[in-house]
Amino acid sequence: MMNESLGQMTRKELNHYIQTKREKMRRAEMMGIENEYRVLERQVLIAECYLIDLSLIEKGKIYKVISQEDHYFKVEYVKGIFAWGFFVNGDEKETGIPVSLLQLPKKVG
């Protein structure tokens, strides 16, 4: 399934796709197939990007990176489903990460 088709899916279809991939991840983990697990994990990460309200991401703001202890990311701009910027205390050049890795504030209301 290509990213283009993920962008065409409804929220319900995306949630079903993610649920199916997570089930396959559990099976791969139980069978000890690490590379398959990693591929499925990446597919879930990308699919989750399409569930995110991109208007919640502010340029110049620093966000905690989900599932990585003490990692923070400063967003310079968003292009497609990737946030581009820099890891705080990182010495690397500009990098892009899927927006689903950013811990965003919960919507109120």
N, C-alpha and C. Protein backbone atom coordinates (compact mmCIF):
# COMPACT_ATOMS: atom_id res chain seq x y z
N MET A 1 0.84 -1.19 0.00
CA MET A 1 0.00 0.00 0.00
C MET A 1 0.89 1.25 0.00
N MET A 2 0.67 2.12 -0.95
CA MET A 2 1.50 3.31 -1.11
C MET A 2 1.00 4.45 -0.23
N ASN A 3 1.90 5.38 0.08
CA ASN A 3 1.54 6.54 0.89
C ASN A 3 0.41 7.34 0.28
N GLU A 4 0.37 7.42 -1.07
CA GLU A 4 -0.69 8.17 -1.74
C GLU A 4 -2.05 7.63 -1.32
N SER A 5 -2.20 6.32 -1.26
CA SER A 5 -3.49 5.75 -0.89
C SER A 5 -3.79 5.98 0.59
N LEU A 6 -2.77 6.05 1.43
CA LEU A 6 -3.01 6.36 2.84
C LEU A 6 -3.64 7.75 2.96
N GLY A 7 -3.18 8.68 2.15
CA GLY A 7 -3.70 10.03 2.18
C GLY A 7 -5.14 10.13 1.71
N GLN A 8 -5.61 9.12 0.98
CA GLN A 8 -6.99 9.09 0.48
C GLN A 8 -7.96 8.44 1.47
N MET A 9 -7.42 7.75 2.46
CA MET A 9 -8.26 6.98 3.37
C MET A 9 -9.01 7.86 4.37
N THR A 10 -10.17 7.36 4.80
CA THR A 10 -10.92 8.02 5.88
C THR A 10 -10.23 7.68 7.20
N ARG A 11 -10.61 8.40 8.26
CA ARG A 11 -10.05 8.10 9.59
C ARG A 11 -10.33 6.64 9.97
N LYS A 12 -11.53 6.18 9.68
CA LYS A 12 -11.92 4.81 10.02
C LYS A 12 -11.03 3.80 9.28
N GLU A 13 -10.81 4.04 7.99
CA GLU A 13 -9.96 3.14 7.19
C GLU A 13 -8.52 3.17 7.70
N LEU A 14 -8.04 4.36 8.04
CA LEU A 14 -6.67 4.48 8.58
C LEU A 14 -6.54 3.71 9.89
N ASN A 15 -7.52 3.87 10.78
CA ASN A 15 -7.47 3.17 12.06
C ASN A 15 -7.49 1.66 11.85
N HIS A 16 -8.27 1.17 10.88
CA HIS A 16 -8.32 -0.25 10.58
C HIS A 16 -6.97 -0.73 10.03
N TYR A 17 -6.39 0.05 9.13
CA TYR A 17 -5.07 -0.26 8.55
C TYR A 17 -4.02 -0.37 9.66
N ILE A 18 -4.02 0.61 10.57
CA ILE A 18 -3.06 0.63 11.68
C ILE A 18 -3.26 -0.57 12.60
N GLN A 19 -4.52 -0.87 12.90
CA GLN A 19 -4.84 -2.01 13.76
C GLN A 19 -4.35 -3.32 13.12
N THR A 20 -4.55 -3.48 11.81
CA THR A 20 -4.10 -4.67 11.08
C THR A 20 -2.57 -4.79 11.13
N LYS A 21 -1.87 -3.67 10.89
CA LYS A 21 -0.40 -3.68 10.93
C LYS A 21 0.10 -4.00 12.33
N ARG A 22 -0.56 -3.45 13.35
CA ARG A 22 -0.13 -3.72 14.74
C ARG A 22 -0.29 -5.20 15.09
N GLU A 23 -1.36 -5.82 14.58
CA GLU A 23 -1.58 -7.25 14.80
C GLU A 23 -0.43 -8.04 14.16
N LYS A 24 -0.04 -7.67 12.94
CA LYS A 24 1.08 -8.33 12.25
C LYS A 24 2.39 -8.08 13.00
N MET A 25 2.52 -6.88 13.61
CA MET A 25 3.72 -6.58 14.41
C MET A 25 3.82 -7.53 15.60
N ARG A 26 2.66 -7.77 16.27
CA ARG A 26 2.65 -8.69 17.43
C ARG A 26 3.10 -10.08 17.01
N ARG A 27 2.59 -10.53 15.86
CA ARG A 27 2.96 -11.87 15.36
C ARG A 27 4.45 -11.93 15.03
N ALA A 28 4.95 -10.88 14.36
CA ALA A 28 6.37 -10.85 13.99
C ALA A 28 7.24 -10.85 15.25
N GLU A 29 6.79 -10.11 16.26
CA GLU A 29 7.55 -10.04 17.52
C GLU A 29 7.57 -11.40 18.20
N MET A 30 6.42 -12.07 18.23
CA MET A 30 6.34 -13.39 18.86
C MET A 30 7.22 -14.41 18.14
N MET A 31 7.32 -14.26 16.81
CA MET A 31 8.12 -15.18 16.01
C MET A 31 9.58 -14.75 15.94
N GLY A 32 9.89 -13.59 16.51
CA GLY A 32 11.27 -13.12 16.54
C GLY A 32 11.78 -12.61 15.20
N ILE A 33 10.87 -12.15 14.35
CA ILE A 33 11.29 -11.64 13.03
C ILE A 33 11.44 -10.12 13.13
N GLU A 34 12.62 -9.71 13.56
CA GLU A 34 12.88 -8.30 13.85
C GLU A 34 12.72 -7.39 12.63
N ASN A 35 13.27 -7.81 11.48
CA ASN A 35 13.20 -6.92 10.31
C ASN A 35 11.76 -6.70 9.84
N GLU A 36 10.94 -7.73 9.89
CA GLU A 36 9.52 -7.58 9.52
C GLU A 36 8.83 -6.66 10.52
N TYR A 37 9.15 -6.82 11.80
CA TYR A 37 8.58 -5.98 12.84
C TYR A 37 8.90 -4.51 12.57
N ARG A 38 10.15 -4.22 12.25
CA ARG A 38 10.59 -2.84 11.99
C ARG A 38 9.88 -2.23 10.78
N VAL A 39 9.70 -3.02 9.72
CA VAL A 39 9.01 -2.54 8.52
C VAL A 39 7.56 -2.19 8.86
N LEU A 40 6.89 -3.09 9.58
CA LEU A 40 5.50 -2.85 9.97
C LEU A 40 5.39 -1.65 10.90
N GLU A 41 6.36 -1.52 11.81
CA GLU A 41 6.38 -0.39 12.74
C GLU A 41 6.46 0.93 11.96
N ARG A 42 7.29 0.95 10.93
CA ARG A 42 7.45 2.15 10.09
C ARG A 42 6.14 2.44 9.34
N GLN A 43 5.48 1.40 8.85
CA GLN A 43 4.21 1.58 8.14
C GLN A 43 3.15 2.18 9.06
N VAL A 44 3.12 1.73 10.31
CA VAL A 44 2.17 2.27 11.30
C VAL A 44 2.48 3.74 11.56
N LEU A 45 3.76 4.04 11.74
CA LEU A 45 4.22 5.41 12.00
C LEU A 45 3.77 6.35 10.88
N ILE A 46 3.95 5.92 9.64
CA ILE A 46 3.56 6.75 8.49
C ILE A 46 2.04 6.89 8.43
N ALA A 47 1.31 5.80 8.62
CA ALA A 47 -0.16 5.86 8.58
C ALA A 47 -0.69 6.80 9.67
N GLU A 48 -0.09 6.76 10.84
CA GLU A 48 -0.53 7.62 11.95
C GLU A 48 -0.37 9.11 11.61
N CYS A 49 0.58 9.43 10.74
CA CYS A 49 0.78 10.82 10.33
C CYS A 49 -0.49 11.41 9.72
N TYR A 50 -1.24 10.57 9.01
CA TYR A 50 -2.44 11.04 8.32
C TYR A 50 -3.61 11.28 9.27
N LEU A 51 -3.47 10.90 10.53
CA LEU A 51 -4.51 11.14 11.54
C LEU A 51 -4.24 12.42 12.31
N ILE A 52 -3.12 13.07 12.04
CA ILE A 52 -2.70 14.23 12.83
C ILE A 52 -3.17 15.53 12.19
N ASP A 53 -3.67 16.41 13.04
CA ASP A 53 -4.07 17.75 12.60
C ASP A 53 -2.79 18.58 12.53
N LEU A 54 -2.31 18.80 11.31
CA LEU A 54 -1.03 19.49 11.12
C LEU A 54 -1.04 20.93 11.63
N SER A 55 -2.25 21.50 11.81
CA SER A 55 -2.33 22.87 12.32
C SER A 55 -1.89 22.97 13.78
N LEU A 56 -1.79 21.82 14.45
CA LEU A 56 -1.33 21.80 15.85
C LEU A 56 0.19 21.95 15.96
N ILE A 57 0.89 21.80 14.85
CA ILE A 57 2.35 21.86 14.86
C ILE A 57 2.79 23.30 14.58
N GLU A 58 3.50 23.88 15.54
CA GLU A 58 3.93 25.27 15.41
C GLU A 58 5.41 25.35 15.03
N LYS A 59 5.69 26.19 14.03
CA LYS A 59 7.08 26.39 13.62
C LYS A 59 7.85 27.04 14.76
N GLY A 60 9.09 26.60 14.95
CA GLY A 60 9.94 27.18 15.98
C GLY A 60 9.72 26.60 17.37
N LYS A 61 8.73 25.74 17.50
CA LYS A 61 8.42 25.15 18.80
C LYS A 61 9.18 23.83 18.96
N ILE A 62 9.46 23.49 20.22
CA ILE A 62 10.18 22.24 20.53
C ILE A 62 9.18 21.22 21.08
N TYR A 63 9.22 20.02 20.53
CA TYR A 63 8.32 18.94 20.93
C TYR A 63 9.12 17.76 21.43
N LYS A 64 8.54 17.04 22.39
CA LYS A 64 9.14 15.79 22.85
C LYS A 64 8.92 14.76 21.74
N VAL A 65 9.91 13.90 21.53
CA VAL A 65 9.79 12.83 20.54
C VAL A 65 9.21 11.61 21.25
N ILE A 66 8.08 11.12 20.75
CA ILE A 66 7.38 9.98 21.35
C ILE A 66 8.27 8.74 21.30
N SER A 67 8.25 8.00 22.39
CA SER A 67 8.95 6.72 22.55
C SER A 67 10.47 6.84 22.53
N GLN A 68 10.98 8.04 22.68
CA GLN A 68 12.43 8.19 22.83
C GLN A 68 12.70 9.04 24.06
N GLU A 69 13.31 8.44 25.04
CA GLU A 69 13.58 9.10 26.31
C GLU A 69 14.43 10.35 26.11
N ASP A 70 13.96 11.47 26.62
CA ASP A 70 14.72 12.72 26.61
C ASP A 70 15.18 13.18 25.23
N HIS A 71 14.40 12.91 24.19
CA HIS A 71 14.70 13.43 22.87
C HIS A 71 13.68 14.52 22.55
N TYR A 72 14.18 15.66 22.10
CA TYR A 72 13.31 16.77 21.74
C TYR A 72 13.67 17.24 20.34
N PHE A 73 12.66 17.75 19.63
CA PHE A 73 12.83 18.14 18.24
C PHE A 73 12.27 19.54 18.04
N LYS A 74 13.09 20.42 17.45
CA LYS A 74 12.64 21.78 17.14
C LYS A 74 12.18 21.81 15.69
N VAL A 75 10.90 22.13 15.49
CA VAL A 75 10.31 22.14 14.16
C VAL A 75 10.59 23.48 13.47
N GLU A 76 11.19 23.39 12.29
CA GLU A 76 11.42 24.57 11.46
C GLU A 76 10.27 24.74 10.47
N TYR A 77 9.83 23.62 9.88
CA TYR A 77 8.68 23.66 8.97
C TYR A 77 8.13 22.26 8.78
N VAL A 78 6.91 22.19 8.24
CA VAL A 78 6.27 20.90 7.95
C VAL A 78 6.08 20.82 6.44
N LYS A 79 6.48 19.68 5.88
CA LYS A 79 6.28 19.45 4.45
C LYS A 79 5.68 18.07 4.32
N GLY A 80 4.46 18.01 3.81
CA GLY A 80 3.76 16.73 3.71
C GLY A 80 3.50 16.19 5.11
N ILE A 81 3.94 14.97 5.35
CA ILE A 81 3.73 14.35 6.67
C ILE A 81 5.01 14.36 7.50
N PHE A 82 5.99 15.16 7.09
CA PHE A 82 7.26 15.23 7.82
C PHE A 82 7.48 16.60 8.43
N ALA A 83 7.96 16.59 9.67
CA ALA A 83 8.38 17.82 10.33
C ALA A 83 9.89 17.91 10.11
N TRP A 84 10.33 19.07 9.63
CA TRP A 84 11.75 19.28 9.37
C TRP A 84 12.31 20.22 10.41
N GLY A 85 13.50 19.91 10.90
CA GLY A 85 14.13 20.75 11.91
C GLY A 85 15.34 20.05 12.49
N PHE A 86 15.51 20.22 13.79
CA PHE A 86 16.73 19.73 14.44
C PHE A 86 16.41 19.08 15.78
N PHE A 87 17.16 18.02 16.11
CA PHE A 87 17.06 17.44 17.44
C PHE A 87 17.78 18.37 18.40
N VAL A 88 17.16 18.67 19.53
CA VAL A 88 17.78 19.51 20.54
C VAL A 88 19.00 18.77 21.09
N ASN A 89 20.11 19.47 21.20
CA ASN A 89 21.40 18.90 21.64
C ASN A 89 21.96 17.90 20.64
N GLY A 90 21.42 17.89 19.43
CA GLY A 90 21.97 17.02 18.39
C GLY A 90 22.98 17.83 17.60
N ASP A 91 23.98 17.17 17.05
CA ASP A 91 24.99 17.91 16.29
C ASP A 91 24.79 17.72 14.79
N GLU A 92 23.64 17.11 14.44
CA GLU A 92 23.42 16.82 13.03
C GLU A 92 22.80 17.99 12.29
N LYS A 93 22.78 17.86 10.99
CA LYS A 93 22.16 18.86 10.13
C LYS A 93 20.64 18.69 10.20
N GLU A 94 19.97 19.59 9.49
CA GLU A 94 18.51 19.52 9.45
C GLU A 94 18.06 18.12 9.05
N THR A 95 17.00 17.67 9.69
CA THR A 95 16.48 16.33 9.41
C THR A 95 14.96 16.37 9.41
N GLY A 96 14.36 15.36 8.78
CA GLY A 96 12.91 15.26 8.76
C GLY A 96 12.46 14.01 9.49
N ILE A 97 11.41 14.15 10.30
CA ILE A 97 10.85 12.99 11.00
C ILE A 97 9.34 12.98 10.76
N PRO A 98 8.73 11.78 10.76
CA PRO A 98 7.27 11.72 10.60
C PRO A 98 6.58 12.52 11.71
N VAL A 99 5.54 13.27 11.36
CA VAL A 99 4.86 14.10 12.37
C VAL A 99 4.25 13.26 13.48
N SER A 100 4.03 11.97 13.23
CA SER A 100 3.44 11.12 14.26
C SER A 100 4.42 10.88 15.42
N LEU A 101 5.69 11.24 15.25
CA LEU A 101 6.66 11.09 16.34
C LEU A 101 6.65 12.27 17.31
N LEU A 102 5.95 13.36 16.94
CA LEU A 102 5.92 14.53 17.80
C LEU A 102 4.81 14.40 18.83
N GLN A 103 5.15 14.65 20.09
CA GLN A 103 4.13 14.62 21.13
C GLN A 103 3.41 15.96 21.11
N LEU A 104 2.23 15.97 20.53
CA LEU A 104 1.46 17.21 20.36
C LEU A 104 0.51 17.41 21.52
N PRO A 105 0.17 18.68 21.77
CA PRO A 105 -0.82 18.94 22.84
C PRO A 105 -2.15 18.32 22.44
N LYS A 106 -2.88 17.84 23.43
CA LYS A 106 -4.20 17.27 23.18
C LYS A 106 -5.16 18.40 22.88
N LYS A 107 -6.04 18.17 21.93
CA LYS A 107 -7.06 19.18 21.59
C LYS A 107 -8.04 19.30 22.75
N VAL A 108 -8.37 20.52 23.10
CA VAL A 108 -9.34 20.75 24.17
C VAL A 108 -10.65 21.21 23.51
N GLY A 109 -11.75 20.66 24.01
CA GLY A 109 -13.03 21.13 23.50
C GLY A 109 -13.69 20.20 22.63
